[in-house]
């Protein structure tokens, strides 16, 4: 994305450095962002945390902090 179109679209272009932040988005089949995380270039991302978040989104349920697959979930109080 040499023209920064995607990072502008997702609002992750650093305003002074003109580079994309490190960002992860989970977008559902309807095109709705269900999870997003962005950090500075000096902070690494966790594949395990991204997979945990993806699996939580896929349940369609309310998953508490630090939820892991197989643990209890709850019914959401509003549409996901």
PDB file of N, CA and C in Angstrom:
ATOM      1  N   UNK A   1       0.844  -1.186   0.000  1.00  0.00           N
ATOM      2  CA  UNK A   1       0.000   0.000   0.000  1.00  0.00           C
ATOM      3  C   UNK A   1       0.890   1.250   0.000  1.00  0.00           C
ATOM      4  N   UNK A   2       1.692   1.453  -1.026  1.00  0.00           N
ATOM      5  CA  UNK A   2       2.623   2.583  -1.047  1.00  0.00           C
ATOM      6  C   UNK A   2       1.944   3.953  -0.952  1.00  0.00           C
ATOM      7  N   UNK A   3       0.685   4.042  -1.322  1.00  0.00           N
ATOM      8  CA  UNK A   3      -0.029   5.322  -1.257  1.00  0.00           C
ATOM      9  C   UNK A   3      -0.796   5.489   0.060  1.00  0.00           C
ATOM     10  N   UNK A   4      -0.681   4.515   0.951  1.00  0.00           N
ATOM     11  CA  UNK A   4      -1.311   4.563   2.285  1.00  0.00           C
ATOM     12  C   UNK A   4      -2.833   4.608   2.245  1.00  0.00           C
ATOM     13  N   UNK A   5      -3.442   4.078   1.202  1.00  0.00           N
ATOM     14  CA  UNK A   5      -4.904   4.111   1.091  1.00  0.00           C
ATOM     15  C   UNK A   5      -5.569   3.277   2.185  1.00  0.00           C
ATOM     16  N   UNK A   6      -5.061   2.079   2.425  1.00  0.00           N
ATOM     17  CA  UNK A   6      -5.690   1.184   3.402  1.00  0.00           C
ATOM     18  C   UNK A   6      -5.512   1.718   4.823  1.00  0.00           C
ATOM     19  N   UNK A   7      -4.303   2.158   5.164  1.00  0.00           N
ATOM     20  CA  UNK A   7      -4.102   2.654   6.531  1.00  0.00           C
ATOM     21  C   UNK A   7      -4.883   3.950   6.784  1.00  0.00           C
ATOM     22  N   UNK A   8      -5.095   4.733   5.763  1.00  0.00           N
ATOM     23  CA  UNK A   8      -5.961   5.915   5.932  1.00  0.00           C
ATOM     24  C   UNK A   8      -7.410   5.483   6.145  1.00  0.00           C
ATOM     25  N   UNK A   9      -7.857   4.504   5.366  1.00  0.00           N
ATOM     26  CA  UNK A   9      -9.223   3.998   5.480  1.00  0.00           C
ATOM     27  C   UNK A   9      -9.513   3.489   6.891  1.00  0.00           C
ATOM     28  N   UNK A  10      -8.522   2.809   7.488  1.00  0.00           N
ATOM     29  CA  UNK A  10      -8.679   2.249   8.837  1.00  0.00           C
ATOM     30  C   UNK A  10      -8.145   3.168   9.934  1.00  0.00           C
ATOM     31  N   UNK A  11      -7.745   4.367   9.564  1.00  0.00           N
ATOM     32  CA  UNK A  11      -7.283   5.386  10.525  1.00  0.00           C
ATOM     33  C   UNK A  11      -6.093   4.916  11.364  1.00  0.00           C
ATOM     34  N   UNK A  12      -5.127   4.290  10.719  1.00  0.00           N
ATOM     35  CA  UNK A  12      -3.926   3.841  11.432  1.00  0.00           C
ATOM     36  C   UNK A  12      -2.641   4.399  10.818  1.00  0.00           C
ATOM     37  N   UNK A  13      -2.758   5.506  10.131  1.00  0.00           N
ATOM     38  CA  UNK A  13      -1.574   6.172   9.588  1.00  0.00           C
ATOM     39  C   UNK A  13      -1.051   7.141  10.640  1.00  0.00           C
ATOM     40  N   UNK A  14       0.208   6.950  11.019  1.00  0.00           N
ATOM     41  CA  UNK A  14       0.810   7.844  12.016  1.00  0.00           C
ATOM     42  C   UNK A  14       0.880   9.248  11.420  1.00  0.00           C
ATOM     43  N   UNK A  15       0.327  10.259  12.105  1.00  0.00           N
ATOM     44  CA  UNK A  15       0.226  11.594  11.516  1.00  0.00           C
ATOM     45  C   UNK A  15       1.555  12.300  11.257  1.00  0.00           C
ATOM     46  N   UNK A  16       2.555  12.036  12.067  1.00  0.00           N
ATOM     47  CA  UNK A  16       3.847  12.715  11.865  1.00  0.00           C
ATOM     48  C   UNK A  16       4.843  11.874  11.080  1.00  0.00           C
ATOM     49  N   UNK A  17       4.839  10.582  11.310  1.00  0.00           N
ATOM     50  CA  UNK A  17       5.827   9.709  10.665  1.00  0.00           C
ATOM     51  C   UNK A  17       5.405   9.246   9.272  1.00  0.00           C
ATOM     52  N   UNK A  18       4.111   9.367   8.943  1.00  0.00           N
ATOM     53  CA  UNK A  18       3.575   8.945   7.655  1.00  0.00           C
ATOM     54  C   UNK A  18       3.822   7.455   7.381  1.00  0.00           C
ATOM     55  N   UNK A  19       3.701   6.645   8.421  1.00  0.00           N
ATOM     56  CA  UNK A  19       3.782   5.185   8.297  1.00  0.00           C
ATOM     57  C   UNK A  19       2.580   4.585   9.016  1.00  0.00           C
ATOM     58  N   UNK A  20       2.222   3.376   8.620  1.00  0.00           N
ATOM     59  CA  UNK A  20       1.099   2.691   9.260  1.00  0.00           C
ATOM     60  C   UNK A  20       1.518   2.181  10.634  1.00  0.00           C
ATOM     61  N   UNK A  21       0.617   2.340  11.602  1.00  0.00           N
ATOM     62  CA  UNK A  21       0.833   1.719  12.909  1.00  0.00           C
ATOM     63  C   UNK A  21       0.702   0.218  12.740  1.00  0.00           C
ATOM     64  N   UNK A  22       1.178  -0.532  13.722  1.00  0.00           N
ATOM     65  CA  UNK A  22       0.964  -1.976  13.714  1.00  0.00           C
ATOM     66  C   UNK A  22      -0.478  -2.194  14.144  1.00  0.00           C
ATOM     67  N   UNK A  23      -1.276  -2.730  13.260  1.00  0.00           N
ATOM     68  CA  UNK A  23      -2.706  -2.854  13.540  1.00  0.00           C
ATOM     69  C   UNK A  23      -3.241  -4.206  13.097  1.00  0.00           C
ATOM     70  N   UNK A  24      -4.237  -4.669  13.832  1.00  0.00           N
ATOM     71  CA  UNK A  24      -4.925  -5.913  13.519  1.00  0.00           C
ATOM     72  C   UNK A  24      -6.419  -5.640  13.563  1.00  0.00           C
ATOM     73  N   UNK A  25      -7.142  -6.113  12.551  1.00  0.00           N
ATOM     74  CA  UNK A  25      -8.588  -5.965  12.492  1.00  0.00           C
ATOM     75  C   UNK A  25      -9.216  -7.315  12.213  1.00  0.00           C
ATOM     76  N   UNK A  26     -10.307  -7.611  12.900  1.00  0.00           N
ATOM     77  CA  UNK A  26     -11.125  -8.781  12.580  1.00  0.00           C
ATOM     78  C   UNK A  26     -12.441  -8.221  12.065  1.00  0.00           C
ATOM     79  N   UNK A  27     -12.735  -8.533  10.801  1.00  0.00           N
ATOM     80  CA  UNK A  27     -13.922  -8.015  10.131  1.00  0.00           C
ATOM     81  C   UNK A  27     -14.859  -9.188   9.852  1.00  0.00           C
ATOM     82  N   UNK A  28     -16.132  -9.039  10.252  1.00  0.00           N
ATOM     83  CA  UNK A  28     -17.078 -10.139  10.040  1.00  0.00           C
ATOM     84  C   UNK A  28     -17.526 -10.185   8.581  1.00  0.00           C
ATOM     85  N   UNK A  29     -18.237 -11.244   8.192  1.00  0.00           N
ATOM     86  CA  UNK A  29     -18.660 -11.375   6.785  1.00  0.00           C
ATOM     87  C   UNK A  29     -19.524 -10.220   6.281  1.00  0.00           C
ATOM     88  N   UNK A  30     -20.157  -9.482   7.197  1.00  0.00           N
ATOM     89  CA  UNK A  30     -20.970  -8.331   6.799  1.00  0.00           C
ATOM     90  C   UNK A  30     -20.129  -7.076   6.587  1.00  0.00           C
ATOM     91  N   UNK A  31     -18.831  -7.159   6.859  1.00  0.00           N
ATOM     92  CA  UNK A  31     -17.950  -6.012   6.705  1.00  0.00           C
ATOM     93  C   UNK A  31     -17.851  -5.140   7.941  1.00  0.00           C
ATOM     94  N   UNK A  32     -18.369  -5.622   9.071  1.00  0.00           N
ATOM     95  CA  UNK A  32     -18.335  -4.871  10.317  1.00  0.00           C
ATOM     96  C   UNK A  32     -17.071  -5.233  11.098  1.00  0.00           C
ATOM     97  N   UNK A  33     -16.325  -4.228  11.534  1.00  0.00           N
ATOM     98  CA  UNK A  33     -15.139  -4.486  12.355  1.00  0.00           C
ATOM     99  C   UNK A  33     -15.601  -4.962  13.729  1.00  0.00           C
ATOM    100  N   UNK A  34     -15.197  -6.168  14.102  1.00  0.00           N
ATOM    101  CA  UNK A  34     -15.573  -6.744  15.390  1.00  0.00           C
ATOM    102  C   UNK A  34     -14.453  -6.629  16.417  1.00  0.00           C
ATOM    103  N   UNK A  35     -13.239  -6.425  15.949  1.00  0.00           N
ATOM    104  CA  UNK A  35     -12.077  -6.332  16.835  1.00  0.00           C
ATOM    105  C   UNK A  35     -11.040  -5.483  16.140  1.00  0.00           C
ATOM    106  N   UNK A  36     -10.419  -4.597  16.888  1.00  0.00           N
ATOM    107  CA  UNK A  36      -9.308  -3.837  16.336  1.00  0.00           C
ATOM    108  C   UNK A  36      -8.296  -3.565  17.438  1.00  0.00           C
ATOM    109  N   UNK A  37      -7.047  -3.525  17.042  1.00  0.00           N
ATOM    110  CA  UNK A  37      -5.964  -3.245  17.970  1.00  0.00           C
ATOM    111  C   UNK A  37      -4.868  -2.568  17.167  1.00  0.00           C
ATOM    112  N   UNK A  38      -4.395  -1.444  17.662  1.00  0.00           N
ATOM    113  CA  UNK A  38      -3.302  -0.743  16.993  1.00  0.00           C
ATOM    114  C   UNK A  38      -2.279  -0.319  18.031  1.00  0.00           C
ATOM    115  N   UNK A  39      -1.022  -0.367  17.658  1.00  0.00           N
ATOM    116  CA  UNK A  39       0.039   0.034  18.584  1.00  0.00           C
ATOM    117  C   UNK A  39       1.169   0.663  17.795  1.00  0.00           C
ATOM    118  N   UNK A  40       2.066   1.312  18.524  1.00  0.00           N
ATOM    119  CA  UNK A  40       3.238   1.909  17.904  1.00  0.00           C
ATOM    120  C   UNK A  40       4.159   0.840  17.344  1.00  0.00           C
ATOM    121  N   UNK A  41       5.096   1.282  16.539  1.00  0.00           N
ATOM    122  CA  UNK A  41       6.004   0.358  15.871  1.00  0.00           C
ATOM    123  C   UNK A  41       6.917  -0.401  16.825  1.00  0.00           C
ATOM    124  N   UNK A  42       7.060   0.077  18.053  1.00  0.00           N
ATOM    125  CA  UNK A  42       7.960  -0.588  18.999  1.00  0.00           C
ATOM    126  C   UNK A  42       7.267  -1.650  19.841  1.00  0.00           C
ATOM    127  N   UNK A  43       5.995  -1.920  19.582  1.00  0.00           N
ATOM    128  CA  UNK A  43       5.260  -2.917  20.362  1.00  0.00           C
ATOM    129  C   UNK A  43       4.837  -4.046  19.435  1.00  0.00           C
ATOM    130  N   UNK A  44       5.246  -5.247  19.773  1.00  0.00           N
ATOM    131  CA  UNK A  44       4.904  -6.408  18.958  1.00  0.00           C
ATOM    132  C   UNK A  44       3.472  -6.861  19.163  1.00  0.00           C
ATOM    133  N   UNK A  45       2.989  -7.669  18.239  1.00  0.00           N
ATOM    134  CA  UNK A  45       1.645  -8.225  18.315  1.00  0.00           C
ATOM    135  C   UNK A  45       1.726  -9.697  18.656  1.00  0.00           C
ATOM    136  N   UNK A  46       0.666 -10.193  19.283  1.00  0.00           N
ATOM    137  CA  UNK A  46       0.608 -11.589  19.703  1.00  0.00           C
ATOM    138  C   UNK A  46      -0.328 -12.381  18.800  1.00  0.00           C
ATOM    139  N   UNK A  47       0.223 -13.370  18.105  1.00  0.00           N
ATOM    140  CA  UNK A  47      -0.597 -14.242  17.268  1.00  0.00           C
ATOM    141  C   UNK A  47      -1.614 -14.975  18.135  1.00  0.00           C
ATOM    142  N   UNK A  48      -1.193 -15.425  19.301  1.00  0.00           N
ATOM    143  CA  UNK A  48      -2.102 -16.144  20.197  1.00  0.00           C
ATOM    144  C   UNK A  48      -3.285 -15.274  20.613  1.00  0.00           C
ATOM    145  N   UNK A  49      -3.043 -14.011  20.929  1.00  0.00           N
ATOM    146  CA  UNK A  49      -4.132 -13.104  21.309  1.00  0.00           C
ATOM    147  C   UNK A  49      -5.056 -12.839  20.132  1.00  0.00           C
ATOM    148  N   UNK A  50      -4.504 -12.698  18.944  1.00  0.00           N
ATOM    149  CA  UNK A  50      -5.341 -12.493  17.758  1.00  0.00           C
ATOM    150  C   UNK A  50      -6.227 -13.709  17.517  1.00  0.00           C
ATOM    151  N   UNK A  51      -5.676 -14.901  17.637  1.00  0.00           N
ATOM    152  CA  UNK A  51      -6.476 -16.121  17.461  1.00  0.00           C
ATOM    153  C   UNK A  51      -7.544 -16.245  18.536  1.00  0.00           C
ATOM    154  N   UNK A  52      -7.209 -15.882  19.790  1.00  0.00           N
ATOM    155  CA  UNK A  52      -8.192 -15.924  20.871  1.00  0.00           C
ATOM    156  C   UNK A  52      -9.342 -14.972  20.568  1.00  0.00           C
ATOM    157  N   UNK A  53      -9.016 -13.761  20.119  1.00  0.00           N
ATOM    158  CA  UNK A  53     -10.049 -12.782  19.784  1.00  0.00           C
ATOM    159  C   UNK A  53     -10.897 -13.269  18.606  1.00  0.00           C
ATOM    160  N   UNK A  54     -10.273 -13.836  17.598  1.00  0.00           N
ATOM    161  CA  UNK A  54     -11.006 -14.368  16.450  1.00  0.00           C
ATOM    162  C   UNK A  54     -11.971 -15.462  16.887  1.00  0.00           C
ATOM    163  N   UNK A  55     -11.486 -16.371  17.716  1.00  0.00           N
ATOM    164  CA  UNK A  55     -12.352 -17.459  18.199  1.00  0.00           C
ATOM    165  C   UNK A  55     -13.498 -16.921  19.046  1.00  0.00           C
ATOM    166  N   UNK A  56     -13.233 -15.894  19.832  1.00  0.00           N
ATOM    167  CA  UNK A  56     -14.285 -15.269  20.641  1.00  0.00           C
ATOM    168  C   UNK A  56     -15.339 -14.638  19.735  1.00  0.00           C
ATOM    169  N   UNK A  57     -14.912 -13.917  18.709  1.00  0.00           N
ATOM    170  CA  UNK A  57     -15.857 -13.312  17.770  1.00  0.00           C
ATOM    171  C   UNK A  57     -16.707 -14.395  17.107  1.00  0.00           C
ATOM    172  N   UNK A  58     -16.084 -15.501  16.747  1.00  0.00           N
ATOM    173  CA  UNK A  58     -16.797 -16.588  16.064  1.00  0.00           C
ATOM    174  C   UNK A  58     -17.862 -17.248  16.928  1.00  0.00           C
ATOM    175  N   UNK A  59     -17.758 -17.139  18.252  1.00  0.00           N
ATOM    176  CA  UNK A  59     -18.775 -17.747  19.108  1.00  0.00           C
ATOM    177  C   UNK A  59     -20.104 -17.024  19.010  1.00  0.00           C
ATOM    178  N   UNK A  60     -20.061 -15.722  18.681  1.00  0.00           N
ATOM    179  CA  UNK A  60     -21.286 -14.933  18.671  1.00  0.00           C
ATOM    180  C   UNK A  60     -21.810 -14.653  20.064  1.00  0.00           C
ATOM    181  N   UNK A  61     -21.031 -15.006  21.070  1.00  0.00           N
ATOM    182  CA  UNK A  61     -21.437 -14.847  22.466  1.00  0.00           C
ATOM    183  C   UNK A  61     -20.601 -13.763  23.132  1.00  0.00           C
ATOM    184  N   UNK A  62     -20.946 -13.466  24.359  1.00  0.00           N
ATOM    185  CA  UNK A  62     -20.180 -12.534  25.180  1.00  0.00           C
ATOM    186  C   UNK A  62     -19.069 -13.326  25.859  1.00  0.00           C
ATOM    187  N   UNK A  63     -17.840 -12.972  25.562  1.00  0.00           N
ATOM    188  CA  UNK A  63     -16.679 -13.664  26.112  1.00  0.00           C
ATOM    189  C   UNK A  63     -15.941 -12.716  27.052  1.00  0.00           C
ATOM    190  N   UNK A  64     -15.781 -13.095  28.321  1.00  0.00           N
ATOM    191  CA  UNK A  64     -15.129 -12.196  29.275  1.00  0.00           C
ATOM    192  C   UNK A  64     -13.635 -12.027  28.983  1.00  0.00           C
ATOM    193  N   UNK A  65     -13.041 -11.073  29.665  1.00  0.00           N
ATOM    194  CA  UNK A  65     -11.598 -10.852  29.539  1.00  0.00           C
ATOM    195  C   UNK A  65     -10.855 -12.154  29.821  1.00  0.00           C
ATOM    196  N   UNK A  66      -9.815 -12.391  29.070  1.00  0.00           N
ATOM    197  CA  UNK A  66      -8.976 -13.584  29.204  1.00  0.00           C
ATOM    198  C   UNK A  66      -9.723 -14.886  28.904  1.00  0.00           C
ATOM    199  N   UNK A  67     -10.891 -14.799  28.251  1.00  0.00           N
ATOM    200  CA  UNK A  67     -11.640 -15.981  27.848  1.00  0.00           C
ATOM    201  C   UNK A  67     -10.771 -16.864  26.961  1.00  0.00           C
ATOM    202  N   UNK A  68     -10.933 -18.176  27.113  1.00  0.00           N
ATOM    203  CA  UNK A  68     -10.245 -19.142  26.266  1.00  0.00           C
ATOM    204  C   UNK A  68     -11.278 -20.090  25.680  1.00  0.00           C
ATOM    205  N   UNK A  69     -11.048 -20.611  24.464  1.00  0.00           N
ATOM    206  CA  UNK A  69     -12.000 -21.553  23.875  1.00  0.00           C
ATOM    207  C   UNK A  69     -12.316 -22.698  24.838  1.00  0.00           C
ATOM    208  N   UNK A  70     -13.595 -23.024  24.915  1.00  0.00           N
ATOM    209  CA  UNK A  70     -14.051 -24.082  25.810  1.00  0.00           C
ATOM    210  C   UNK A  70     -14.559 -23.548  27.139  1.00  0.00           C
ATOM    211  N   UNK A  71     -14.229 -22.307  27.465  1.00  0.00           N
ATOM    212  CA  UNK A  71     -14.709 -21.711  28.717  1.00  0.00           C
ATOM    213  C   UNK A  71     -16.121 -21.162  28.511  1.00  0.00           C
ATOM    214  N   UNK A  72     -16.775 -20.848  29.626  1.00  0.00           N
ATOM    215  CA  UNK A  72     -18.141 -20.352  29.606  1.00  0.00           C
ATOM    216  C   UNK A  72     -18.251 -19.016  28.875  1.00  0.00           C
ATOM    217  N   UNK A  73     -19.356 -18.840  28.190  1.00  0.00           N
ATOM    218  CA  UNK A  73     -19.688 -17.585  27.539  1.00  0.00           C
ATOM    219  C   UNK A  73     -21.075 -17.161  28.044  1.00  0.00           C
ATOM    220  N   UNK A  74     -21.518 -16.006  27.664  1.00  0.00           N
ATOM    221  CA  UNK A  74     -22.837 -15.526  28.036  1.00  0.00           C
ATOM    222  C   UNK A  74     -23.543 -15.013  26.792  1.00  0.00           C
ATOM    223  N   UNK A  75     -24.838 -14.840  26.896  1.00  0.00           N
ATOM    224  CA  UNK A  75     -25.588 -14.278  25.782  1.00  0.00           C
ATOM    225  C   UNK A  75     -25.324 -12.779  25.725  1.00  0.00           C
ATOM    226  N   UNK A  76     -25.079 -12.241  24.547  1.00  0.00           N
ATOM    227  CA  UNK A  76     -24.873 -10.796  24.458  1.00  0.00           C
ATOM    228  C   UNK A  76     -26.164 -10.055  24.772  1.00  0.00           C
ATOM    229  N   UNK A  77     -26.027  -8.862  25.335  1.00  0.00           N
ATOM    230  CA  UNK A  77     -27.199  -8.063  25.682  1.00  0.00           C
ATOM    231  C   UNK A  77     -27.687  -7.254  24.494  1.00  0.00           C
ATOM    232  N   UNK A  78     -26.865  -7.193  23.423  1.00  0.00           N
ATOM    233  CA  UNK A  78     -27.250  -6.526  22.188  1.00  0.00           C
ATOM    234  C   UNK A  78     -26.566  -7.227  21.026  1.00  0.00           C
ATOM    235  N   UNK A  79     -26.958  -6.911  19.842  1.00  0.00           N
ATOM    236  CA  UNK A  79     -26.396  -7.578  18.663  1.00  0.00           C
ATOM    237  C   UNK A  79     -24.898  -7.343  18.581  1.00  0.00           C
ATOM    238  N   UNK A  80     -24.142  -8.407  18.224  1.00  0.00           N
ATOM    239  CA  UNK A  80     -22.686  -8.256  18.093  1.00  0.00           C
ATOM    240  C   UNK A  80     -22.295  -7.383  16.921  1.00  0.00           C
TER     241      UNK A  80
END
